[in-house]
């Protein structure tokens, strides 16, 4: 479970989106569904990712956030000495939905459905 304590405490303030963006960018990439969101490559690279808050809504108990994540993926070859596959990072993008509990700041995340 991801904890977004600073963002949850800043809900309703003018700086919420920026605070949320920074906090998500500190989350370990393995906790996000980036691998499932790949479209141009086969593995998520270790490069840092960037977050763009697209929209927020509120329910009685949760803050729901749609966010776009820009990250890099690689096409992995066989790792042979004569493998012609270049290991170049490919730009990837996916949209996710965060569901943040208003009381605890605990959040779940899943790929957004269109």
C-alpha atoms as a PDB file:
ATOM      1  CA  UNK A   1       0.000   0.000   0.000  1.00  0.00           C
ATOM      2  CA  UNK A   2       1.236   3.465  -0.876  1.00  0.00           C
ATOM      3  CA  UNK A   3       1.022   6.230   1.733  1.00  0.00           C
ATOM      4  CA  UNK A   4       0.587   9.761   0.402  1.00  0.00           C
ATOM      5  CA  UNK A   5       0.507  11.523   3.759  1.00  0.00           C
ATOM      6  CA  UNK A   6       1.624  15.002   2.647  1.00  0.00           C
ATOM      7  CA  UNK A   7      -0.797  15.087  -0.264  1.00  0.00           C
ATOM      8  CA  UNK A   8      -3.682  13.802   1.823  1.00  0.00           C
ATOM      9  CA  UNK A   9      -3.018  16.482   4.457  1.00  0.00           C
ATOM     10  CA  UNK A  10      -2.842  19.149   1.747  1.00  0.00           C
ATOM     11  CA  UNK A  11      -6.179  18.247   0.153  1.00  0.00           C
ATOM     12  CA  UNK A  12      -8.168  21.380  -0.641  1.00  0.00           C
ATOM     13  CA  UNK A  13      -5.153  23.697  -0.675  1.00  0.00           C
ATOM     14  CA  UNK A  14      -3.946  25.563  -3.745  1.00  0.00           C
ATOM     15  CA  UNK A  15      -0.725  23.554  -3.797  1.00  0.00           C
ATOM     16  CA  UNK A  16      -2.355  20.096  -3.619  1.00  0.00           C
ATOM     17  CA  UNK A  17      -1.562  19.084  -7.220  1.00  0.00           C
ATOM     18  CA  UNK A  18       2.109  20.061  -6.933  1.00  0.00           C
ATOM     19  CA  UNK A  19       2.442  18.415  -3.521  1.00  0.00           C
ATOM     20  CA  UNK A  20       0.826  15.225  -4.820  1.00  0.00           C
ATOM     21  CA  UNK A  21       3.036  15.206  -7.931  1.00  0.00           C
ATOM     22  CA  UNK A  22       6.205  15.474  -5.829  1.00  0.00           C
ATOM     23  CA  UNK A  23       5.084  12.797  -3.400  1.00  0.00           C
ATOM     24  CA  UNK A  24       4.131  10.310  -6.139  1.00  0.00           C
ATOM     25  CA  UNK A  25       7.495  10.904  -7.832  1.00  0.00           C
ATOM     26  CA  UNK A  26       9.149   9.667  -4.602  1.00  0.00           C
ATOM     27  CA  UNK A  27       7.230   6.364  -4.665  1.00  0.00           C
ATOM     28  CA  UNK A  28       9.229   3.329  -5.756  1.00  0.00           C
ATOM     29  CA  UNK A  29       8.327   2.577  -9.387  1.00  0.00           C
ATOM     30  CA  UNK A  30       7.706  -1.069  -8.491  1.00  0.00           C
ATOM     31  CA  UNK A  31       4.627   0.052  -6.513  1.00  0.00           C
ATOM     32  CA  UNK A  32       3.045   1.547  -9.636  1.00  0.00           C
ATOM     33  CA  UNK A  33       1.463  -0.387 -12.541  1.00  0.00           C
ATOM     34  CA  UNK A  34       4.087   0.872 -15.008  1.00  0.00           C
ATOM     35  CA  UNK A  35       4.984  -2.560 -16.397  1.00  0.00           C
ATOM     36  CA  UNK A  36       1.326  -3.148 -17.282  1.00  0.00           C
ATOM     37  CA  UNK A  37       1.177   0.254 -18.988  1.00  0.00           C
ATOM     38  CA  UNK A  38       4.043  -0.357 -21.423  1.00  0.00           C
ATOM     39  CA  UNK A  39       3.186   0.113 -25.104  1.00  0.00           C
ATOM     40  CA  UNK A  40       6.531   0.704 -26.875  1.00  0.00           C
ATOM     41  CA  UNK A  41       8.935  -1.518 -24.943  1.00  0.00           C
ATOM     42  CA  UNK A  42       9.088  -4.666 -22.839  1.00  0.00           C
ATOM     43  CA  UNK A  43      10.554  -3.640 -19.457  1.00  0.00           C
ATOM     44  CA  UNK A  44      10.385  -0.531 -17.283  1.00  0.00           C
ATOM     45  CA  UNK A  45      13.798   1.121 -17.064  1.00  0.00           C
ATOM     46  CA  UNK A  46      15.393   2.375 -13.848  1.00  0.00           C
ATOM     47  CA  UNK A  47      15.196   6.004 -14.973  1.00  0.00           C
ATOM     48  CA  UNK A  48      13.103   8.415 -12.875  1.00  0.00           C
ATOM     49  CA  UNK A  49       9.493   8.990 -13.885  1.00  0.00           C
ATOM     50  CA  UNK A  50       7.455  12.204 -14.005  1.00  0.00           C
ATOM     51  CA  UNK A  51       3.861  12.730 -12.939  1.00  0.00           C
ATOM     52  CA  UNK A  52       1.175  15.027 -14.315  1.00  0.00           C
ATOM     53  CA  UNK A  53      -2.049  15.418 -12.315  1.00  0.00           C
ATOM     54  CA  UNK A  54      -4.934  15.343 -14.787  1.00  0.00           C
ATOM     55  CA  UNK A  55      -7.884  15.652 -12.452  1.00  0.00           C
ATOM     56  CA  UNK A  56      -9.182  15.105  -8.945  1.00  0.00           C
ATOM     57  CA  UNK A  57     -12.570  14.252  -7.508  1.00  0.00           C
ATOM     58  CA  UNK A  58     -13.769  13.660  -3.989  1.00  0.00           C
ATOM     59  CA  UNK A  59     -16.075  11.137  -2.377  1.00  0.00           C
ATOM     60  CA  UNK A  60     -17.118  11.031   1.242  1.00  0.00           C
ATOM     61  CA  UNK A  61     -14.121   8.908   2.216  1.00  0.00           C
ATOM     62  CA  UNK A  62     -11.587   9.181  -0.633  1.00  0.00           C
ATOM     63  CA  UNK A  63      -9.732  11.562  -2.916  1.00  0.00           C
ATOM     64  CA  UNK A  64      -9.631  10.163  -6.436  1.00  0.00           C
ATOM     65  CA  UNK A  65      -6.825  11.324  -8.687  1.00  0.00           C
ATOM     66  CA  UNK A  66      -6.258  10.657 -12.367  1.00  0.00           C
ATOM     67  CA  UNK A  67      -2.587  11.111 -13.204  1.00  0.00           C
ATOM     68  CA  UNK A  68      -0.411  10.671 -16.261  1.00  0.00           C
ATOM     69  CA  UNK A  69       2.998   9.105 -15.759  1.00  0.00           C
ATOM     70  CA  UNK A  70       5.865   9.665 -18.169  1.00  0.00           C
ATOM     71  CA  UNK A  71       8.570   7.035 -17.839  1.00  0.00           C
ATOM     72  CA  UNK A  72      11.058   5.006 -19.852  1.00  0.00           C
ATOM     73  CA  UNK A  73      11.072   1.421 -20.963  1.00  0.00           C
ATOM     74  CA  UNK A  74      13.613  -0.726 -22.727  1.00  0.00           C
ATOM     75  CA  UNK A  75      13.417  -3.526 -25.253  1.00  0.00           C
ATOM     76  CA  UNK A  76      15.524  -6.239 -23.720  1.00  0.00           C
ATOM     77  CA  UNK A  77      17.629  -8.437 -25.978  1.00  0.00           C
ATOM     78  CA  UNK A  78      19.258 -11.744 -25.194  1.00  0.00           C
ATOM     79  CA  UNK A  79      22.355 -10.130 -23.637  1.00  0.00           C
ATOM     80  CA  UNK A  80      24.605 -11.987 -26.048  1.00  0.00           C
ATOM     81  CA  UNK A  81      27.852 -10.348 -27.152  1.00  0.00           C
ATOM     82  CA  UNK A  82      26.625 -10.236 -30.743  1.00  0.00           C
ATOM     83  CA  UNK A  83      23.058  -9.155 -29.925  1.00  0.00           C
ATOM     84  CA  UNK A  84      22.217  -6.318 -32.347  1.00  0.00           C
ATOM     85  CA  UNK A  85      19.370  -5.014 -30.205  1.00  0.00           C
ATOM     86  CA  UNK A  86      20.336  -1.581 -28.879  1.00  0.00           C
ATOM     87  CA  UNK A  87      19.415  -0.909 -25.270  1.00  0.00           C
ATOM     88  CA  UNK A  88      17.875   2.505 -25.787  1.00  0.00           C
ATOM     89  CA  UNK A  89      15.247   3.887 -23.491  1.00  0.00           C
ATOM     90  CA  UNK A  90      11.836   4.375 -25.103  1.00  0.00           C
ATOM     91  CA  UNK A  91       9.477   7.041 -23.804  1.00  0.00           C
ATOM     92  CA  UNK A  92       6.354   5.530 -22.266  1.00  0.00           C
ATOM     93  CA  UNK A  93       3.150   7.074 -20.923  1.00  0.00           C
ATOM     94  CA  UNK A  94       0.223   5.656 -19.016  1.00  0.00           C
ATOM     95  CA  UNK A  95      -2.653   7.038 -16.993  1.00  0.00           C
ATOM     96  CA  UNK A  96      -3.416   5.751 -13.527  1.00  0.00           C
ATOM     97  CA  UNK A  97      -6.084   6.271 -10.896  1.00  0.00           C
ATOM     98  CA  UNK A  98      -5.112   6.830  -7.279  1.00  0.00           C
ATOM     99  CA  UNK A  99      -7.738   6.293  -4.592  1.00  0.00           C
ATOM    100  CA  UNK A 100      -6.477   8.063  -1.458  1.00  0.00           C
ATOM    101  CA  UNK A 101      -8.146   7.429   1.892  1.00  0.00           C
ATOM    102  CA  UNK A 102      -8.952  10.811   3.471  1.00  0.00           C
ATOM    103  CA  UNK A 103      -8.325   9.606   7.019  1.00  0.00           C
ATOM    104  CA  UNK A 104      -5.095   7.652   6.624  1.00  0.00           C
ATOM    105  CA  UNK A 105      -3.480   8.829   3.396  1.00  0.00           C
ATOM    106  CA  UNK A 106      -3.205   5.209   2.241  1.00  0.00           C
ATOM    107  CA  UNK A 107      -3.655   4.911  -1.498  1.00  0.00           C
ATOM    108  CA  UNK A 108      -4.341   2.243  -4.047  1.00  0.00           C
ATOM    109  CA  UNK A 109      -3.359   2.700  -7.674  1.00  0.00           C
ATOM    110  CA  UNK A 110      -4.454   1.026 -10.896  1.00  0.00           C
ATOM    111  CA  UNK A 111      -4.204   1.699 -14.604  1.00  0.00           C
ATOM    112  CA  UNK A 112      -6.978   4.078 -15.619  1.00  0.00           C
ATOM    113  CA  UNK A 113      -9.769   2.695 -17.730  1.00  0.00           C
ATOM    114  CA  UNK A 114     -10.800   4.930 -20.609  1.00  0.00           C
END
